[in-house]
Protein backbone atom coordinates (compact mmCIF):
# COMPACT_ATOMS: atom_id res chain seq x y z
CA UNK A 1 -29.41 -66.17 -14.38
CA UNK A 2 -32.12 -65.56 -11.66
CA UNK A 3 -31.75 -61.76 -11.52
CA UNK A 4 -31.27 -61.63 -15.23
CA UNK A 5 -34.45 -63.13 -15.81
CA UNK A 6 -36.48 -60.83 -13.20
CA UNK A 7 -34.60 -57.83 -14.94
CA UNK A 8 -35.61 -58.31 -18.29
CA UNK A 9 -39.60 -59.90 -17.19
CA UNK A 10 -39.46 -56.21 -15.30
CA UNK A 11 -38.72 -54.46 -18.17
CA UNK A 12 -41.18 -55.92 -20.52
CA UNK A 13 -43.65 -55.88 -17.95
CA UNK A 14 -43.34 -52.06 -17.91
CA UNK A 15 -43.64 -51.96 -21.66
CA UNK A 16 -47.17 -53.85 -20.99
CA UNK A 17 -49.55 -54.88 -18.56
CA UNK A 18 -50.41 -57.84 -20.73
CA UNK A 19 -50.53 -61.35 -19.30
CA UNK A 20 -50.05 -64.24 -21.75
CA UNK A 21 -51.27 -67.70 -21.59
CA UNK A 22 -49.05 -69.00 -24.45
CA UNK A 23 -45.90 -68.46 -25.81
CA UNK A 24 -45.01 -69.16 -29.76
CA UNK A 25 -41.52 -69.35 -30.87
CA UNK A 26 -41.87 -69.08 -34.86
CA UNK A 27 -39.15 -70.53 -36.50
CA UNK A 28 -37.59 -69.95 -39.89
CA UNK A 29 -40.15 -68.87 -42.75
CA UNK A 30 -42.92 -69.18 -40.13
CA UNK A 31 -42.77 -65.13 -39.06
CA UNK A 32 -46.37 -64.65 -40.89
CA UNK A 33 -48.01 -66.27 -38.04
CA UNK A 34 -47.58 -62.85 -36.40
CA UNK A 35 -50.29 -61.71 -38.94
CA UNK A 36 -52.68 -63.73 -37.38
CA UNK A 37 -52.53 -62.13 -33.88
CA UNK A 38 -54.03 -58.79 -33.03
CA UNK A 39 -51.07 -56.79 -31.94
CA UNK A 40 -51.40 -54.81 -28.73
CA UNK A 41 -47.10 -54.30 -28.13
CA UNK A 42 -43.90 -55.04 -30.06
CA UNK A 43 -40.83 -54.84 -28.76
CA UNK A 44 -37.39 -55.21 -30.53
CA UNK A 45 -35.00 -57.77 -29.24
CA UNK A 46 -32.38 -55.37 -29.56
CA UNK A 47 -34.24 -53.23 -27.14
CA UNK A 48 -34.76 -55.72 -24.55
CA UNK A 49 -32.07 -56.09 -21.42
CA UNK A 50 -30.15 -59.15 -21.52
CA UNK A 51 -31.66 -60.35 -24.68
CA UNK A 52 -29.66 -61.78 -27.13
CA UNK A 53 -30.33 -60.18 -30.75
CA UNK A 54 -30.98 -63.01 -33.62
CA UNK A 55 -28.72 -62.86 -36.58
CA UNK A 56 -30.57 -65.22 -39.49
CA UNK A 57 -32.20 -64.45 -42.31
CA UNK A 58 -36.13 -64.99 -42.01
CA UNK A 59 -35.82 -64.04 -38.31
CA UNK A 60 -37.68 -60.43 -37.67
CA UNK A 61 -36.33 -60.21 -34.16
CA UNK A 62 -39.20 -58.91 -32.03
CA UNK A 63 -41.77 -60.02 -29.01
CA UNK A 64 -45.14 -59.62 -30.04
CA UNK A 65 -47.71 -59.47 -27.33
CA UNK A 66 -51.78 -59.28 -28.92
CA UNK A 67 -54.34 -61.68 -29.03
CA UNK A 68 -56.05 -64.49 -31.05
CA UNK A 69 -59.70 -64.61 -30.27
CA UNK A 70 -59.89 -64.10 -26.54
CA UNK A 71 -56.41 -65.83 -26.08
CA UNK A 72 -53.63 -63.86 -25.00
CA UNK A 73 -50.43 -64.57 -26.34
CA UNK A 74 -46.49 -63.93 -26.68
CA UNK A 75 -44.96 -64.70 -29.64
CA UNK A 76 -40.95 -64.81 -30.82
CA UNK A 77 -40.46 -63.78 -34.07
CA UNK A 78 -37.22 -65.69 -34.57
CA UNK A 79 -35.27 -67.23 -32.14
CA UNK A 80 -31.70 -67.91 -31.04
CA UNK A 81 -29.24 -70.95 -32.03
CA UNK A 82 -26.14 -72.31 -30.71
CA UNK A 83 -24.61 -71.72 -34.02
CA UNK A 84 -24.56 -68.14 -33.97
CA UNK A 85 -22.06 -68.12 -31.01
CA UNK A 86 -24.40 -67.87 -28.04
CA UNK A 87 -24.26 -70.37 -25.30
CA UNK A 88 -26.92 -72.55 -24.01
CA UNK A 89 -28.01 -70.06 -21.48
CA UNK A 90 -28.24 -67.22 -23.87
CA UNK A 91 -30.57 -69.53 -26.24
CA UNK A 92 -33.22 -70.49 -23.81
CA UNK A 93 -33.11 -67.29 -21.75
CA UNK A 94 -36.31 -66.42 -23.37
CA UNK A 95 -37.93 -68.82 -22.15
CA UNK A 96 -36.62 -68.38 -18.67
CA UNK A 97 -38.64 -65.00 -19.41
CA UNK A 98 -41.88 -66.64 -20.68
CA UNK A 99 -42.39 -68.53 -17.57
CA UNK A 100 -41.57 -65.32 -14.85
CA UNK A 101 -44.47 -63.37 -17.05
CA UNK A 102 -46.87 -66.17 -16.09
CA UNK A 103 -46.48 -68.66 -19.16
CA UNK A 104 -47.58 -72.51 -18.66
CA UNK A 105 -48.00 -73.33 -22.34
CA UNK A 106 -45.09 -73.29 -24.97
CA UNK A 107 -45.79 -73.64 -28.81
CA UNK A 108 -42.31 -74.21 -30.67
CA UNK A 109 -41.66 -74.24 -34.71
CA UNK A 110 -38.90 -75.22 -37.16
CA UNK A 111 -37.84 -76.16 -40.21
CA UNK A 112 -35.80 -79.22 -40.55
CA UNK A 113 -35.10 -82.00 -42.66
CA UNK A 114 -36.65 -85.15 -43.37
CA UNK A 115 -35.01 -88.83 -43.38
CA UNK A 116 -38.45 -90.61 -43.02
CA UNK A 117 -38.76 -92.00 -46.25
CA UNK A 118 -42.79 -91.22 -45.95
CA UNK A 119 -42.11 -87.72 -46.19
CA UNK A 120 -41.84 -85.21 -48.40
CA UNK A 121 -40.58 -81.75 -48.85
CA UNK A 122 -43.82 -79.13 -47.63
CA UNK A 123 -44.97 -81.93 -44.80
CA UNK A 124 -45.97 -80.55 -41.38
CA UNK A 125 -44.66 -82.98 -38.67
CA UNK A 126 -46.13 -82.76 -34.82
CA UNK A 127 -43.09 -83.54 -32.76
CA UNK A 128 -43.79 -86.35 -30.33
CA UNK A 129 -40.40 -86.81 -29.07
CA UNK A 130 -36.63 -85.74 -29.57
CA UNK A 131 -33.12 -86.74 -29.12
CA UNK A 132 -30.48 -83.88 -27.75
CA UNK A 133 -27.01 -84.35 -29.56
CA UNK A 134 -26.32 -80.89 -28.96
CA UNK A 135 -22.91 -80.37 -27.95
CA UNK A 136 -23.66 -78.37 -24.96
CA UNK A 137 -26.65 -79.22 -22.62
CA UNK A 138 -28.84 -76.07 -21.41
CA UNK A 139 -28.88 -77.30 -17.53
CA UNK A 140 -25.28 -78.17 -17.15
CA UNK A 141 -23.70 -76.19 -14.72
CA UNK A 142 -25.22 -74.76 -11.44
CA UNK A 143 -29.09 -75.41 -10.71
CA UNK A 144 -31.03 -72.68 -9.23
CA UNK A 145 -34.07 -74.39 -7.80
CA UNK A 146 -36.39 -71.51 -7.96
CA UNK A 147 -36.22 -72.38 -11.58
CA UNK A 148 -36.88 -75.97 -11.37
CA UNK A 149 -34.98 -79.58 -10.14
CA UNK A 150 -31.61 -80.87 -10.86
CA UNK A 151 -32.87 -83.84 -12.53
CA UNK A 152 -35.32 -83.51 -14.97
CA UNK A 153 -38.23 -85.95 -15.94
CA UNK A 154 -38.50 -85.73 -19.89
CA UNK A 155 -40.67 -88.83 -20.03
CA UNK A 156 -43.31 -86.66 -21.76
CA UNK A 157 -41.48 -83.11 -23.47
CA UNK A 158 -44.24 -82.54 -25.81
CA UNK A 159 -47.64 -82.67 -24.12
CA UNK A 160 -49.85 -86.00 -25.00
CA UNK A 161 -53.10 -83.92 -24.27
CA UNK A 162 -51.67 -81.55 -26.46
CA UNK A 163 -50.66 -83.70 -29.43
CA UNK A 164 -54.00 -85.15 -29.43
CA UNK A 165 -55.78 -81.82 -29.86
CA UNK A 166 -53.60 -80.47 -32.43
CA UNK A 167 -54.20 -84.02 -34.47
CA UNK A 168 -58.17 -83.64 -34.21
CA UNK A 169 -57.89 -80.22 -35.22
CA UNK A 170 -55.76 -80.84 -38.21
CA UNK A 171 -58.12 -83.87 -39.30
CA UNK A 172 -61.03 -81.12 -38.63
CA UNK A 173 -59.31 -78.93 -40.96
CA UNK A 174 -58.46 -81.64 -43.50
CA UNK A 175 -54.64 -80.59 -43.25
CA UNK A 176 -52.35 -83.48 -43.64
CA UNK A 177 -49.85 -84.18 -40.76
CA UNK A 178 -47.08 -86.57 -39.93
CA UNK A 179 -46.04 -87.50 -36.74
CA UNK A 180 -42.27 -88.09 -35.53
CA UNK A 181 -39.09 -87.94 -33.52
CA UNK A 182 -36.84 -84.45 -34.06
CA UNK A 183 -33.13 -84.56 -33.56
CA UNK A 184 -31.17 -81.55 -32.99
CA UNK A 185 -27.58 -81.45 -33.92
CA UNK A 186 -25.61 -78.11 -33.77
CA UNK A 187 -25.10 -76.82 -37.32
CA UNK A 188 -24.88 -74.47 -39.16
CA UNK A 189 -24.20 -77.20 -41.90
CA UNK A 190 -26.57 -78.87 -43.38
CA UNK A 191 -26.50 -82.68 -42.99
CA UNK A 192 -23.87 -85.07 -45.11
CA UNK A 193 -25.26 -88.35 -46.64
CA UNK A 194 -23.83 -90.14 -43.50
CA UNK A 195 -25.01 -87.77 -40.99
CA UNK A 196 -28.75 -88.21 -42.48
CA UNK A 197 -28.31 -92.26 -42.43
CA UNK A 198 -27.08 -91.75 -39.01
CA UNK A 199 -29.87 -89.60 -37.84
CA UNK A 200 -32.61 -92.28 -39.20
CA UNK A 201 -30.37 -95.06 -37.57
CA UNK A 202 -30.71 -93.44 -34.59
CA UNK A 203 -34.55 -93.61 -34.67
CA UNK A 204 -35.42 -90.13 -35.81
CA UNK A 205 -37.75 -88.67 -38.54
CA UNK A 206 -36.19 -85.07 -38.90
CA UNK A 207 -33.14 -83.34 -37.98
CA UNK A 208 -32.70 -79.74 -37.04
CA UNK A 209 -30.36 -76.98 -35.33
CA UNK A 210 -32.95 -75.44 -32.54
CA UNK A 211 -36.37 -76.39 -30.40
CA UNK A 212 -34.54 -78.99 -28.22
CA UNK A 213 -32.73 -76.85 -25.63
CA UNK A 214 -35.73 -74.72 -25.43
CA UNK A 215 -37.91 -77.65 -24.64
CA UNK A 216 -35.23 -78.75 -22.40
CA UNK A 217 -35.42 -75.48 -20.34
CA UNK A 218 -39.37 -75.74 -20.71
CA UNK A 219 -39.62 -78.84 -18.96
CA UNK A 220 -37.08 -77.62 -16.08
CA UNK A 221 -39.84 -74.87 -15.47
CA UNK A 222 -42.75 -77.53 -15.49
CA UNK A 223 -44.28 -75.76 -18.66
CA UNK A 224 -46.50 -78.05 -21.09
CA UNK A 225 -44.99 -78.13 -24.91
CA UNK A 226 -46.09 -78.48 -28.28
CA UNK A 227 -43.56 -79.34 -31.52
CA UNK A 228 -44.14 -78.60 -35.06
CA UNK A 229 -41.84 -78.97 -37.78
CA UNK A 230 -41.87 -78.45 -41.47
CA UNK A 231 -40.23 -80.53 -43.49
CA UNK A 232 -37.97 -78.24 -45.75
CA UNK A 233 -35.48 -80.88 -47.42
CA UNK A 234 -35.07 -84.80 -47.57
CA UNK A 235 -32.03 -86.81 -47.06
CA UNK A 236 -32.69 -90.61 -47.65
CA UNK A 237 -32.44 -93.62 -49.72
CA UNK A 238 -29.25 -92.69 -50.63
CA UNK A 239 -29.93 -89.44 -52.34
CA UNK A 240 -29.85 -85.68 -51.34
CA UNK A 241 -30.33 -82.75 -53.51
CA UNK A 242 -28.40 -79.64 -53.33
CA UNK A 243 -29.97 -77.33 -50.59
CA UNK A 244 -29.43 -73.82 -49.19
CA UNK A 245 -31.41 -71.37 -46.69
CA UNK A 246 -33.07 -69.59 -48.73
CA UNK A 247 -34.58 -72.92 -50.21
CA UNK A 248 -35.14 -73.85 -46.82
CA UNK A 249 -37.52 -70.55 -46.39
CA UNK A 250 -39.25 -70.85 -49.41
CA UNK A 251 -40.04 -74.43 -48.56
CA UNK A 252 -41.46 -73.23 -45.01
CA UNK A 253 -43.82 -70.25 -46.70
CA UNK A 254 -45.64 -73.08 -48.67
CA UNK A 255 -46.59 -74.82 -45.66
CA UNK A 256 -46.93 -71.99 -43.44
CA UNK A 257 -50.28 -71.13 -44.26
CA UNK A 258 -51.36 -74.98 -42.90
CA UNK A 259 -48.82 -74.41 -39.80
CA UNK A 260 -50.62 -71.09 -39.13
CA UNK A 261 -53.78 -72.47 -39.14
CA UNK A 262 -53.24 -75.40 -37.07
CA UNK A 263 -51.67 -73.13 -34.25
CA UNK A 264 -54.34 -70.41 -34.29
CA UNK A 265 -56.89 -72.99 -34.28
CA UNK A 266 -55.52 -74.97 -31.28
CA UNK A 267 -54.52 -71.31 -29.21
CA UNK A 268 -58.47 -71.16 -29.82
CA UNK A 269 -59.93 -74.39 -28.85
CA UNK A 270 -57.43 -75.51 -26.45
């Protein structure tokens, strides 16, 4: 893994001498954030050695390097998921590369199903904590101390300082945001009523199929993380409407302006 990360980071560095401060992972339906970036370099995943290729609709599959104001950022237009058939080392490989490129701050976004009865479709939720119910752990197996310690402290997976800042920005911009716990399942099926009930009973506010492995690996390398979920469907109170991926993308698209505004201003101000 170490050698592959070095190879990939060296390839990216050969394409651009850009030194990003922030990395942003853009989830389903949130790729429009790329329009807020003054892009200096774009690299297709298929051209990057050791990189998986995103197979999900709504995930364009490119690394972007550019600026927002005077802040240098790297953005992933599309992520990789366990349900696509990749193992967790492949899913989280880009996070390893980010750290090697010098990034210390990671912003992750996703689309998720809400179980908190006070939520509605289109709400934006700041992730304050998560529950990992994925069947494979991204740190399972041999631990390379060059990346991080064998046992990782997860008492603050999402930076409290970053959370406080984004909540302040939301208040200033008059954007209504929720705050809650994200639970990760492997997918790709949407949850049954019984599974939504399980998620709620376990203490989560929403459920999705990504993000948690990336944050675990980021914390392994001592990166600071901020997570934002868009609630794209609801499953609570014994009711669930039939949902498909197109509807999820559409719901995410409607909330996208708020998410873009939050992330853009956060990067400028933090």
